[in-house]
C-alpha atoms as a PDB file:
ATOM      1  CA  MET A   1      74.302  54.827 -27.425  1.00  0.00           C
ATOM      2  CA  THR A   2      74.169  54.311 -23.951  1.00  0.00           C
ATOM      3  CA  ASN A   3      77.542  54.616 -22.183  1.00  0.00           C
ATOM      4  CA  PHE A   4      76.496  50.544 -21.118  1.00  0.00           C
ATOM      5  CA  ASP A   5      76.898  49.933 -25.045  1.00  0.00           C
ATOM      6  CA  LYS A   6      79.944  52.053 -25.636  1.00  0.00           C
ATOM      7  CA  PHE A   7      80.967  49.630 -22.715  1.00  0.00           C
ATOM      8  CA  TYR A   8      79.999  46.335 -25.211  1.00  0.00           C
ATOM      9  CA  LYS A   9      81.873  47.308 -27.843  1.00  0.00           C
ATOM     10  CA  LEU A  10      85.240  45.095 -28.472  1.00  0.00           C
ATOM     11  CA  GLU A  11      88.185  47.403 -27.874  1.00  0.00           C
ATOM     12  CA  ASN A  12      86.647  47.663 -24.538  1.00  0.00           C
ATOM     13  CA  ILE A  13      86.253  44.247 -22.999  1.00  0.00           C
ATOM     14  CA  PRO A  14      88.621  42.973 -20.421  1.00  0.00           C
ATOM     15  CA  ASN A  15      91.680  40.737 -20.699  1.00  0.00           C
ATOM     16  CA  ASN A  16      90.019  38.782 -18.125  1.00  0.00           C
ATOM     17  CA  TRP A  17      86.419  38.277 -19.352  1.00  0.00           C
ATOM     18  CA  SER A  18      84.729  35.838 -22.283  1.00  0.00           C
ATOM     19  CA  LYS A  19      81.424  36.320 -24.482  1.00  0.00           C
ATOM     20  CA  THR A  20      79.725  33.836 -24.797  1.00  0.00           C
ATOM     21  CA  LYS A  21      76.207  33.304 -25.676  1.00  0.00           C
ATOM     22  CA  LEU A  22      73.512  32.680 -23.218  1.00  0.00           C
ATOM     23  CA  LYS A  23      73.255  28.655 -24.478  1.00  0.00           C
ATOM     24  CA  TYR A  24      75.388  28.148 -22.969  1.00  0.00           C
ATOM     25  CA  ILE A  25      75.586  29.524 -19.293  1.00  0.00           C
ATOM     26  CA  CYS A  26      71.889  29.036 -18.506  1.00  0.00           C
ATOM     27  CA  SER A  27      69.073  26.988 -19.840  1.00  0.00           C
ATOM     28  CA  ILE A  28      64.471  27.384 -20.156  1.00  0.00           C
ATOM     29  CA  SER A  29      63.460  24.646 -17.220  1.00  0.00           C
ATOM     30  CA  LYS A  30      60.763  22.679 -18.805  1.00  0.00           C
ATOM     31  CA  GLU A  31      60.273  21.656 -14.804  1.00  0.00           C
ATOM     32  CA  THR A  32      56.299  21.392 -13.587  1.00  0.00           C
ATOM     33  CA  SER A  33      55.059  22.103  -9.905  1.00  0.00           C
ATOM     34  CA  THR A  34      53.666  18.893  -8.991  1.00  0.00           C
ATOM     35  CA  ASN A  35      51.263  19.723  -5.639  1.00  0.00           C
ATOM     36  CA  VAL A  36      50.338  23.140  -6.232  1.00  0.00           C
ATOM     37  CA  SER A  37      48.124  22.868  -3.591  1.00  0.00           C
ATOM     38  CA  LEU A  38      51.695  22.648  -1.295  1.00  0.00           C
ATOM     39  CA  GLU A  39      53.710  25.620  -3.322  1.00  0.00           C
ATOM     40  CA  ASN A  40      53.053  29.176  -3.958  1.00  0.00           C
ATOM     41  CA  LEU A  41      51.580  30.941  -6.743  1.00  0.00           C
ATOM     42  CA  LEU A  42      54.098  33.498  -7.825  1.00  0.00           C
ATOM     43  CA  SER A  43      53.702  36.140 -10.369  1.00  0.00           C
ATOM     44  CA  LEU A  44      56.690  38.325 -12.074  1.00  0.00           C
ATOM     45  CA  THR A  45      56.078  42.282 -11.915  1.00  0.00           C
ATOM     46  CA  GLN A  46      58.519  45.329 -12.407  1.00  0.00           C
ATOM     47  CA  LYS A  47      58.538  45.136  -8.478  1.00  0.00           C
ATOM     48  CA  GLY A  48      60.433  41.782  -8.981  1.00  0.00           C
ATOM     49  CA  ILE A  49      58.440  38.436  -8.090  1.00  0.00           C
ATOM     50  CA  THR A  50      55.621  38.097  -5.605  1.00  0.00           C
ATOM     51  CA  LYS A  51      53.405  35.431  -4.482  1.00  0.00           C
ATOM     52  CA  ARG A  52      49.918  35.351  -5.147  1.00  0.00           C
ATOM     53  CA  ASN A  53      47.045  35.760  -2.994  1.00  0.00           C
ATOM     54  CA  THR A  54      44.466  33.333  -4.742  1.00  0.00           C
ATOM     55  CA  ASP A  55      41.249  33.680  -1.720  1.00  0.00           C
ATOM     56  CA  LYS A  56      40.839  36.981  -3.822  1.00  0.00           C
ATOM     57  CA  ASN A  57      40.021  37.579  -6.981  1.00  0.00           C
ATOM     58  CA  SER A  58      41.819  40.494  -8.220  1.00  0.00           C
ATOM     59  CA  GLY A  59      43.365  39.628 -12.050  1.00  0.00           C
ATOM     60  CA  GLN A  60      43.534  36.629 -14.253  1.00  0.00           C
ATOM     61  CA  PHE A  61      43.527  32.899 -12.797  1.00  0.00           C
ATOM     62  CA  ALA A  62      43.925  30.418 -14.692  1.00  0.00           C
ATOM     63  CA  GLU A  63      41.177  26.921 -14.241  1.00  0.00           C
ATOM     64  CA  SER A  64      44.491  24.713 -13.513  1.00  0.00           C
ATOM     65  CA  TYR A  65      48.726  25.483 -12.214  1.00  0.00           C
ATOM     66  CA  GLU A  66      48.925  22.297 -12.895  1.00  0.00           C
ATOM     67  CA  ASN A  67      51.588  22.310 -15.858  1.00  0.00           C
ATOM     68  CA  TYR A  68      52.882  25.670 -14.107  1.00  0.00           C
ATOM     69  CA  THR A  69      57.085  26.007 -13.712  1.00  0.00           C
ATOM     70  CA  LEU A  70      58.364  25.065 -10.660  1.00  0.00           C
ATOM     71  CA  ILE A  71      60.436  27.948  -9.628  1.00  0.00           C
ATOM     72  CA  LYS A  72      62.739  27.485  -6.201  1.00  0.00           C
ATOM     73  CA  LYS A  73      64.073  30.492  -4.312  1.00  0.00           C
ATOM     74  CA  ASN A  74      67.332  32.254  -6.304  1.00  0.00           C
ATOM     75  CA  GLN A  75      65.934  31.243  -9.424  1.00  0.00           C
ATOM     76  CA  ILE A  76      65.911  33.936 -12.263  1.00  0.00           C
ATOM     77  CA  CYS A  77      62.403  34.138 -13.955  1.00  0.00           C
ATOM     78  CA  ILE A  78      62.297  36.598 -16.882  1.00  0.00           C
ATOM     79  CA  ASN A  79      59.470  38.064 -18.775  1.00  0.00           C
ATOM     80  CA  PRO A  80      59.182  37.320 -22.807  1.00  0.00           C
ATOM     81  CA  MET A  81      56.653  38.213 -23.732  1.00  0.00           C
ATOM     82  CA  ASP A  82      55.847  42.001 -23.334  1.00  0.00           C
ATOM     83  CA  LEU A  83      59.395  43.673 -24.073  1.00  0.00           C
ATOM     84  CA  LEU A  84      58.074  46.910 -23.028  1.00  0.00           C
ATOM     85  CA  SER A  85      57.128  46.871 -19.572  1.00  0.00           C
ATOM     86  CA  GLY A  86      57.720  42.971 -18.668  1.00  0.00           C
ATOM     87  CA  TRP A  87      60.643  42.424 -16.098  1.00  0.00           C
ATOM     88  CA  VAL A  88      63.766  39.850 -15.071  1.00  0.00           C
ATOM     89  CA  ASP A  89      64.124  39.243 -11.384  1.00  0.00           C
ATOM     90  CA  ILE A  90      65.602  36.159  -8.735  1.00  0.00           C
ATOM     91  CA  SER A  91      62.843  34.703  -6.675  1.00  0.00           C
ATOM     92  CA  ASN A  92      62.881  35.025  -3.487  1.00  0.00           C
ATOM     93  CA  PHE A  93      60.413  32.001  -3.176  1.00  0.00           C
ATOM     94  CA  ASP A  94      59.655  27.928  -3.541  1.00  0.00           C
ATOM     95  CA  GLY A  95      56.375  27.744  -5.427  1.00  0.00           C
ATOM     96  CA  PHE A  96      54.765  28.044  -8.955  1.00  0.00           C
ATOM     97  CA  ILE A  97      54.918  30.604 -12.158  1.00  0.00           C
ATOM     98  CA  SER A  98      52.937  31.097 -15.657  1.00  0.00           C
ATOM     99  CA  PRO A  99      55.020  28.494 -18.399  1.00  0.00           C
ATOM    100  CA  ALA A 100      54.892  31.809 -20.025  1.00  0.00           C
ATOM    101  CA  TYR A 101      57.928  32.877 -18.238  1.00  0.00           C
ATOM    102  CA  TYR A 102      61.381  31.755 -18.244  1.00  0.00           C
ATOM    103  CA  THR A 103      62.506  29.858 -15.733  1.00  0.00           C
ATOM    104  CA  LEU A 104      66.624  29.611 -15.835  1.00  0.00           C
ATOM    105  CA  ILE A 105      68.873  27.108 -14.607  1.00  0.00           C
ATOM    106  CA  ILE A 106      72.075  27.753 -14.811  1.00  0.00           C
ATOM    107  CA  SER A 107      75.797  26.601 -14.450  1.00  0.00           C
ATOM    108  CA  LYS A 108      78.430  27.043 -11.983  1.00  0.00           C
ATOM    109  CA  ASP A 109      80.489  29.082 -13.479  1.00  0.00           C
ATOM    110  CA  ILE A 110      78.479  32.496 -13.148  1.00  0.00           C
ATOM    111  CA  ASN A 111      77.179  34.634  -9.861  1.00  0.00           C
ATOM    112  CA  VAL A 112      73.065  34.295 -10.492  1.00  0.00           C
ATOM    113  CA  GLU A 113      73.224  38.365  -9.601  1.00  0.00           C
ATOM    114  CA  PHE A 114      75.368  38.978 -12.194  1.00  0.00           C
ATOM    115  CA  LEU A 115      73.601  37.089 -14.104  1.00  0.00           C
ATOM    116  CA  ASN A 116      70.153  38.841 -13.190  1.00  0.00           C
ATOM    117  CA  TYR A 117      71.669  42.481 -14.073  1.00  0.00           C
ATOM    118  CA  PHE A 118      73.109  41.274 -16.345  1.00  0.00           C
ATOM    119  CA  LEU A 119      69.708  40.495 -18.339  1.00  0.00           C
ATOM    120  CA  GLN A 120      67.784  43.911 -16.918  1.00  0.00           C
ATOM    121  CA  SER A 121      70.112  45.908 -18.859  1.00  0.00           C
ATOM    122  CA  ASN A 122      68.230  44.386 -21.347  1.00  0.00           C
ATOM    123  CA  TYR A 123      65.167  45.512 -20.845  1.00  0.00           C
ATOM    124  CA  TYR A 124      66.937  49.134 -19.234  1.00  0.00           C
ATOM    125  CA  ARG A 125      68.468  49.120 -23.247  1.00  0.00           C
ATOM    126  CA  LYS A 126      66.032  47.632 -25.253  1.00  0.00           C
ATOM    127  CA  SER A 127      67.901  45.006 -26.183  1.00  0.00           C
ATOM    128  CA  PHE A 128      65.736  42.282 -26.348  1.00  0.00           C
ATOM    129  CA  PHE A 129      62.891  44.527 -27.688  1.00  0.00           C
ATOM    130  CA  LYS A 130      65.112  44.545 -30.792  1.00  0.00           C
ATOM    131  CA  LYS A 131      65.257  40.813 -31.467  1.00  0.00           C
ATOM    132  CA  GLY A 132      61.271  40.247 -30.769  1.00  0.00           C
ATOM    133  CA  LYS A 133      59.043  39.423 -32.623  1.00  0.00           C
ATOM    134  CA  GLY A 134      54.736  39.694 -32.983  1.00  0.00           C
ATOM    135  CA  VAL A 135      52.650  43.409 -32.860  1.00  0.00           C
ATOM    136  CA  ALA A 136      53.202  45.476 -30.128  1.00  0.00           C
ATOM    137  CA  SER A 137      52.953  49.347 -29.699  1.00  0.00           C
ATOM    138  CA  HIS A 138      54.722  52.099 -27.296  1.00  0.00           C
ATOM    139  CA  ASP A 139      51.143  52.475 -25.468  1.00  0.00           C
ATOM    140  CA  ASN A 140      51.843  48.671 -24.670  1.00  0.00           C
ATOM    141  CA  TYR A 141      49.383  47.084 -26.695  1.00  0.00           C
ATOM    142  CA  GLY A 142      49.451  43.900 -27.677  1.00  0.00           C
ATOM    143  CA  ARG A 143      52.497  41.754 -27.755  1.00  0.00           C
ATOM    144  CA  TRP A 144      56.257  41.280 -29.072  1.00  0.00           C
ATOM    145  CA  VAL A 145      57.532  38.594 -27.858  1.00  0.00           C
ATOM    146  CA  LEU A 146      61.209  36.869 -27.271  1.00  0.00           C
ATOM    147  CA  SER A 147      61.530  33.991 -29.432  1.00  0.00           C
ATOM    148  CA  PRO A 148      63.745  31.011 -26.978  1.00  0.00           C
ATOM    149  CA  THR A 149      65.923  30.843 -29.705  1.00  0.00           C
ATOM    150  CA  ASP A 150      66.514  34.531 -30.099  1.00  0.00           C
ATOM    151  CA  PHE A 151      66.815  34.404 -26.155  1.00  0.00           C
ATOM    152  CA  ASN A 152      69.027  31.485 -26.236  1.00  0.00           C
ATOM    153  CA  ASN A 153      71.449  33.259 -28.650  1.00  0.00           C
ATOM    154  CA  THR A 154      72.067  36.638 -26.703  1.00  0.00           C
ATOM    155  CA  THR A 155      75.784  37.677 -26.606  1.00  0.00           C
ATOM    156  CA  ILE A 156      77.052  38.642 -23.213  1.00  0.00           C
ATOM    157  CA  PHE A 157      80.424  39.068 -21.688  1.00  0.00           C
ATOM    158  CA  ILE A 158      81.733  38.081 -18.102  1.00  0.00           C
ATOM    159  CA  PRO A 159      84.601  37.891 -15.550  1.00  0.00           C
ATOM    160  CA  ASN A 160      86.209  34.518 -15.297  1.00  0.00           C
ATOM    161  CA  ASN A 161      87.202  34.773 -11.640  1.00  0.00           C
ATOM    162  CA  ILE A 162      83.430  34.370 -10.145  1.00  0.00           C
ATOM    163  CA  LYS A 163      84.335  36.998  -7.318  1.00  0.00           C
ATOM    164  CA  ASP A 164      85.215  39.907 -10.228  1.00  0.00           C
ATOM    165  CA  GLN A 165      81.600  39.476 -10.961  1.00  0.00           C
ATOM    166  CA  ILE A 166      80.539  39.238  -6.930  1.00  0.00           C
ATOM    167  CA  ASN A 167      81.783  42.072  -6.445  1.00  0.00           C
ATOM    168  CA  ILE A 168      80.451  43.957  -9.767  1.00  0.00           C
ATOM    169  CA  CYS A 169      76.914  42.821  -8.245  1.00  0.00           C
ATOM    170  CA  ASN A 170      78.173  45.068  -4.699  1.00  0.00           C
ATOM    171  CA  TYR A 171      79.043  48.196  -6.755  1.00  0.00           C
ATOM    172  CA  LEU A 172      75.359  47.963  -8.169  1.00  0.00           C
ATOM    173  CA  ASN A 173      73.962  47.251  -5.422  1.00  0.00           C
ATOM    174  CA  LYS A 174      75.448  50.142  -3.179  1.00  0.00           C
ATOM    175  CA  LYS A 175      74.197  52.628  -6.377  1.00  0.00           C
ATOM    176  CA  LYS A 176      71.104  51.231  -5.974  1.00  0.00           C
ATOM    177  CA  LYS A 177      70.670  51.764  -2.623  1.00  0.00           C
ATOM    178  CA  LYS A 178      72.058  55.108  -3.207  1.00  0.00           C
ATOM    179  CA  ILE A 179      69.171  55.655  -5.617  1.00  0.00           C
ATOM    180  CA  LYS A 180      66.715  54.774  -3.282  1.00  0.00           C
ATOM    181  CA  LEU A 181      68.142  56.863  -0.922  1.00  0.00           C
ATOM    182  CA  LEU A 182      67.197  59.814  -3.075  1.00  0.00           C
ATOM    183  CA  LYS A 183      64.053  59.537  -3.972  1.00  0.00           C
ATOM    184  CA  ASN A 184      62.659  58.873  -0.925  1.00  0.00           C
ATOM    185  CA  LYS A 185      64.545  61.906  -0.064  1.00  0.00           C
ATOM    186  CA  LYS A 186      62.182  63.592  -2.961  1.00  0.00           C
ATOM    187  CA  LYS A 187      59.383  62.288  -1.630  1.00  0.00           C
ATOM    188  CA  LYS A 188      59.291  63.539   1.742  1.00  0.00           C
ATOM    189  CA  LYS A 189      60.068  67.495  -0.051  1.00  0.00           C
ATOM    190  CA  LYS A 190      57.423  66.985  -2.587  1.00  0.00           C
ATOM    191  CA  LYS A 191      55.222  65.637   0.396  1.00  0.00           C
ATOM    192  CA  LYS A 192      56.494  69.044   2.704  1.00  0.00           C
ATOM    193  CA  LYS A 193      56.098  70.945   0.203  1.00  0.00           C
ATOM    194  CA  LYS A 194      52.063  69.862  -0.905  1.00  0.00           C
ATOM    195  CA  LYS A 195      51.456  70.714   3.397  1.00  0.00           C
ATOM    196  CA  LYS A 196      52.564  74.067   2.954  1.00  0.00           C
ATOM    197  CA  ILE A 197      50.652  74.485   0.199  1.00  0.00           C
ATOM    198  CA  LYS A 198      47.747  73.619   1.638  1.00  0.00           C
END
């Protein structure tokens, strides 16, 4: 059990937090792209949502993008098809993305970044994986899918005050920056060692 799971025990939840389900704070968008020639083709990766270069022949491309989901800047997109190596993140672009993903419309009562951190934590803790169905192995073969029903019925605890949600995000953002700096320092040390060995 992780520290996060321990926190999520009911006795550890602060009094000013509310328990709810995802279906009450967000919904899966059904809005499709209207003019794909004027929009960015986006892809959800473990590094975030990126623009795809349609001029290159690398990767898989659909015959038509007419039914692809419209995604706007600051919307969250989640990959429910691959719960082992998939991901969820906030888009920095307007464009269109695979309809196999869940693009979310969220209520005004929750901060987008806070919800994104919560959803990402479900990949880290593999709690979405426990709800998944299908065929998959730890070698990432097959498909292990999170259904819309199971996604919607996922429990979340939320600070009632938006400012508290933002403060939590600011704290996590600072920690992420520190982790990046430490990783970069380690990479530089490894490079120096390799040069010395040579």
